[in-house]
Amino acid sequence: MSIEDVKKTTEVKMRKSLEALKTDLAKVRTGRVHTGLLDHVQVEYYGSQVPINTVANVTVIDARALGVQTWEKGMAAKVEKAIRDCDLGLNPSSQGDLIRVPMPALTEDRRRELIKVVKGEAEGSKVALRNLRRDAIATLKEMLKNKECSEDEEHRAQDEIQKLTDRHVADVDKQLDHKEAELMAI
């Protein structure tokens, strides 16, 4: 393994960590309705748990409601139950073939709770980035010990990995700030 391999591997892992954070932040409900809110809802389908979008079409009806149209008639009750049981506090209602999912308005207290959740997600992501940095530096020190690189190369690589970490931590902070502003917007 070369120093370049260590840097590339670390950067790829850090990017994946950022993508995971983006996905987690997208699940946190803001005042706006979007179809991604139900992406993590699992529905029982012939004995196995599947994402809701594999058994139904999720659309935005208006600014405060989602519509869920199942592809099979018998799935409507199961989909409605899955939405009701998910951790979003939603109360869907059937209107013929369509399941209407109204989004309750967020209170100030609920917004503050969601901001705490978002901050926790961001901190978890920063910890993951720091762990990746630590692992990369340990690999570099091992390479130096095994005389696979010089001290200068190892120090330069450590500096580059630190800069990479700083850049990704700044990205986490930007995402956090954006999500906080989104949550506080009415």
Protein backbone atom coordinates (compact mmCIF):
# COMPACT_ATOMS: atom_id res chain seq x y z
CA MET A 1 0.00 0.00 0.00
CA SER A 2 1.31 3.45 -0.90
CA ILE A 3 0.76 6.82 0.73
CA GLU A 4 -1.48 7.81 -2.20
CA ASP A 5 -3.63 4.72 -1.56
CA VAL A 6 -4.02 5.68 2.10
CA LYS A 7 -5.05 9.24 1.17
CA LYS A 8 -7.50 8.10 -1.53
CA THR A 9 -9.07 5.46 0.70
CA THR A 10 -9.46 7.95 3.53
CA GLU A 11 -11.03 10.54 1.23
CA VAL A 12 -13.51 8.01 -0.18
CA LYS A 13 -14.52 6.91 3.32
CA MET A 14 -14.92 10.53 4.43
CA ARG A 15 -17.11 11.27 1.41
CA LYS A 16 -19.27 8.25 2.27
CA SER A 17 -19.58 9.53 5.83
CA LEU A 18 -20.79 12.90 4.50
CA GLU A 19 -23.31 11.17 2.22
CA ALA A 20 -24.62 9.18 5.18
CA LEU A 21 -25.05 12.42 7.13
CA LYS A 22 -26.94 13.99 4.20
CA THR A 23 -29.26 10.99 4.12
CA ASP A 24 -29.83 11.13 7.88
CA LEU A 25 -30.53 14.87 7.79
CA ALA A 26 -33.00 14.44 4.95
CA LYS A 27 -35.06 12.14 7.17
CA VAL A 28 -35.52 14.86 9.77
CA ARG A 29 -38.80 16.55 9.00
CA THR A 30 -38.90 20.27 8.43
CA GLY A 31 -41.89 22.49 7.69
CA ARG A 32 -41.76 21.48 4.03
CA VAL A 33 -43.32 18.30 2.72
CA HIS A 34 -41.24 16.09 0.42
CA THR A 35 -41.55 12.48 -0.70
CA GLY A 36 -38.23 11.53 0.91
CA LEU A 37 -39.84 11.77 4.36
CA LEU A 38 -41.27 8.27 3.97
CA ASP A 39 -38.20 6.64 2.38
CA HIS A 40 -37.18 4.84 5.56
CA VAL A 41 -40.67 3.47 6.30
CA GLN A 42 -40.69 -0.33 6.00
CA VAL A 43 -43.84 -2.23 4.96
CA GLU A 44 -44.50 -5.94 5.37
CA TYR A 45 -44.88 -7.45 1.89
CA TYR A 46 -45.38 -11.21 1.59
CA GLY A 47 -43.47 -11.93 4.77
CA SER A 48 -40.53 -9.55 4.32
CA GLN A 49 -39.93 -5.91 5.17
CA VAL A 50 -39.50 -3.64 2.12
CA PRO A 51 -39.23 0.15 1.68
CA ILE A 52 -42.55 1.89 1.07
CA ASN A 53 -41.53 3.03 -2.42
CA THR A 54 -41.37 -0.60 -3.62
CA VAL A 55 -45.09 -1.16 -2.94
CA ALA A 56 -46.53 2.32 -3.46
CA ASN A 57 -46.08 5.63 -5.23
CA VAL A 58 -45.47 8.57 -2.87
CA THR A 59 -46.42 12.04 -4.15
CA VAL A 60 -46.84 15.55 -2.77
CA ILE A 61 -50.54 16.47 -2.77
CA ASP A 62 -50.13 20.00 -1.43
CA ALA A 63 -47.85 22.00 0.87
CA ARG A 64 -49.03 20.11 3.95
CA ALA A 65 -49.82 16.57 2.74
CA LEU A 66 -48.37 13.54 0.99
CA GLY A 67 -50.35 11.04 -1.05
CA VAL A 68 -49.51 7.33 -1.07
CA GLN A 69 -50.99 5.22 -3.87
CA THR A 70 -50.42 1.47 -3.42
CA TRP A 71 -49.94 -0.70 -6.46
CA GLU A 72 -51.95 -3.56 -4.96
CA LYS A 73 -55.37 -3.06 -3.36
CA GLY A 74 -54.64 -5.30 -0.36
CA MET A 75 -51.52 -3.33 0.62
CA ALA A 76 -53.31 -0.09 1.59
CA ALA A 77 -54.03 -1.17 5.19
CA LYS A 78 -50.46 -2.43 5.71
CA VAL A 79 -48.95 0.76 4.27
CA GLU A 80 -51.23 2.93 6.40
CA LYS A 81 -50.24 0.96 9.54
CA ALA A 82 -46.51 1.22 8.67
CA ILE A 83 -46.78 5.00 8.26
CA ARG A 84 -48.70 5.31 11.54
CA ASP A 85 -46.13 3.16 13.39
CA CYS A 86 -43.04 4.96 12.02
CA ASP A 87 -41.17 7.44 14.22
CA LEU A 88 -42.48 10.57 12.47
CA GLY A 89 -45.73 10.93 14.43
CA LEU A 90 -47.95 10.91 11.34
CA ASN A 91 -51.65 10.02 11.16
CA PRO A 92 -52.55 8.81 7.65
CA SER A 93 -56.13 8.40 6.46
CA SER A 94 -57.50 6.41 3.52
CA GLN A 95 -59.54 8.16 0.85
CA GLY A 96 -60.51 5.35 -1.49
CA ASP A 97 -57.37 4.18 -3.28
CA LEU A 98 -55.29 7.07 -1.95
CA ILE A 99 -53.75 7.26 1.51
CA ARG A 100 -53.52 10.89 2.55
CA VAL A 101 -50.71 11.72 4.99
CA PRO A 102 -51.20 15.20 6.50
CA MET A 103 -48.13 16.78 8.07
CA PRO A 104 -48.83 18.47 11.39
CA ALA A 105 -47.33 21.92 11.86
CA LEU A 106 -44.13 21.95 13.90
CA THR A 107 -44.26 23.70 17.26
CA GLU A 108 -41.34 25.76 18.54
CA ASP A 109 -40.49 23.08 21.13
CA ARG A 110 -40.56 20.33 18.51
CA ARG A 111 -38.28 22.39 16.26
CA ARG A 112 -35.79 22.76 19.12
CA GLU A 113 -35.91 19.00 19.77
CA LEU A 114 -35.26 18.33 16.09
CA ILE A 115 -32.30 20.72 16.16
CA LYS A 116 -30.84 18.70 19.05
CA VAL A 117 -31.28 15.52 16.99
CA VAL A 118 -29.63 17.16 13.98
CA LYS A 119 -26.70 18.37 16.11
CA GLY A 120 -26.27 14.86 17.47
CA GLU A 121 -26.18 13.46 13.91
CA ALA A 122 -23.58 16.06 12.91
CA GLU A 123 -21.43 15.33 15.96
CA GLY A 124 -21.59 11.61 15.19
CA SER A 125 -20.41 12.36 11.67
CA LYS A 126 -17.50 14.46 12.97
CA VAL A 127 -16.47 11.62 15.29
CA ALA A 128 -16.54 9.22 12.33
CA LEU A 129 -14.32 11.62 10.33
CA ARG A 130 -11.85 11.91 13.20
CA ASN A 131 -11.75 8.13 13.53
CA LEU A 132 -10.95 7.84 9.83
CA ARG A 133 -8.16 10.39 10.28
CA ARG A 134 -6.77 8.44 13.23
CA ASP A 135 -6.83 5.17 11.26
CA ALA A 136 -5.08 6.77 8.28
CA ILE A 137 -2.36 8.28 10.48
CA ALA A 138 -1.86 4.93 12.23
CA THR A 139 -1.42 3.30 8.79
CA LEU A 140 1.12 5.97 7.83
CA LYS A 141 3.09 5.44 11.05
CA GLU A 142 3.07 1.70 10.41
CA MET A 143 4.42 2.35 6.90
CA LEU A 144 7.18 4.54 8.36
CA LYS A 145 8.04 1.85 10.91
CA ASN A 146 8.26 -0.76 8.13
CA LYS A 147 10.46 1.66 6.14
CA GLU A 148 7.94 1.87 3.28
CA CYS A 149 8.19 5.67 3.27
CA SER A 150 10.47 8.41 4.60
CA GLU A 151 9.71 10.62 7.60
CA ASP A 152 9.22 13.64 5.32
CA GLU A 153 6.68 11.75 3.19
CA GLU A 154 4.87 10.56 6.28
CA HIS A 155 4.68 14.09 7.76
CA ARG A 156 3.49 15.55 4.45
CA ALA A 157 0.82 12.84 4.17
CA GLN A 158 -0.31 13.47 7.77
CA ASP A 159 -0.68 17.19 6.99
CA GLU A 160 -2.72 16.40 3.87
CA ILE A 161 -4.97 14.01 5.80
CA GLN A 162 -5.47 16.68 8.48
CA LYS A 163 -6.44 19.22 5.80
CA LEU A 164 -8.80 16.67 4.26
CA THR A 165 -10.39 16.09 7.67
CA ASP A 166 -10.73 19.83 8.31
CA ARG A 167 -12.41 20.31 4.92
CA HIS A 168 -14.93 17.53 5.58
CA VAL A 169 -15.65 18.78 9.12
CA ALA A 170 -16.37 22.21 7.61
CA ASP A 171 -18.78 20.52 5.18
CA VAL A 172 -20.54 18.85 8.13
CA ASP A 173 -20.86 22.27 9.81
CA LYS A 174 -22.31 23.77 6.59
CA GLN A 175 -24.89 20.98 6.34
CA LEU A 176 -25.77 21.44 10.01
CA ASP A 177 -26.21 25.21 9.63
CA HIS A 178 -28.36 24.73 6.53
CA LYS A 179 -30.59 22.16 8.28
CA GLU A 180 -30.94 24.35 11.40
CA ALA A 181 -32.01 27.31 9.25
CA GLU A 182 -34.46 25.04 7.41
CA LEU A 183 -35.93 23.79 10.70
CA MET A 184 -36.36 27.27 12.15
CA ALA A 185 -37.97 28.69 9.00
CA ILE A 186 -41.73 28.86 9.36
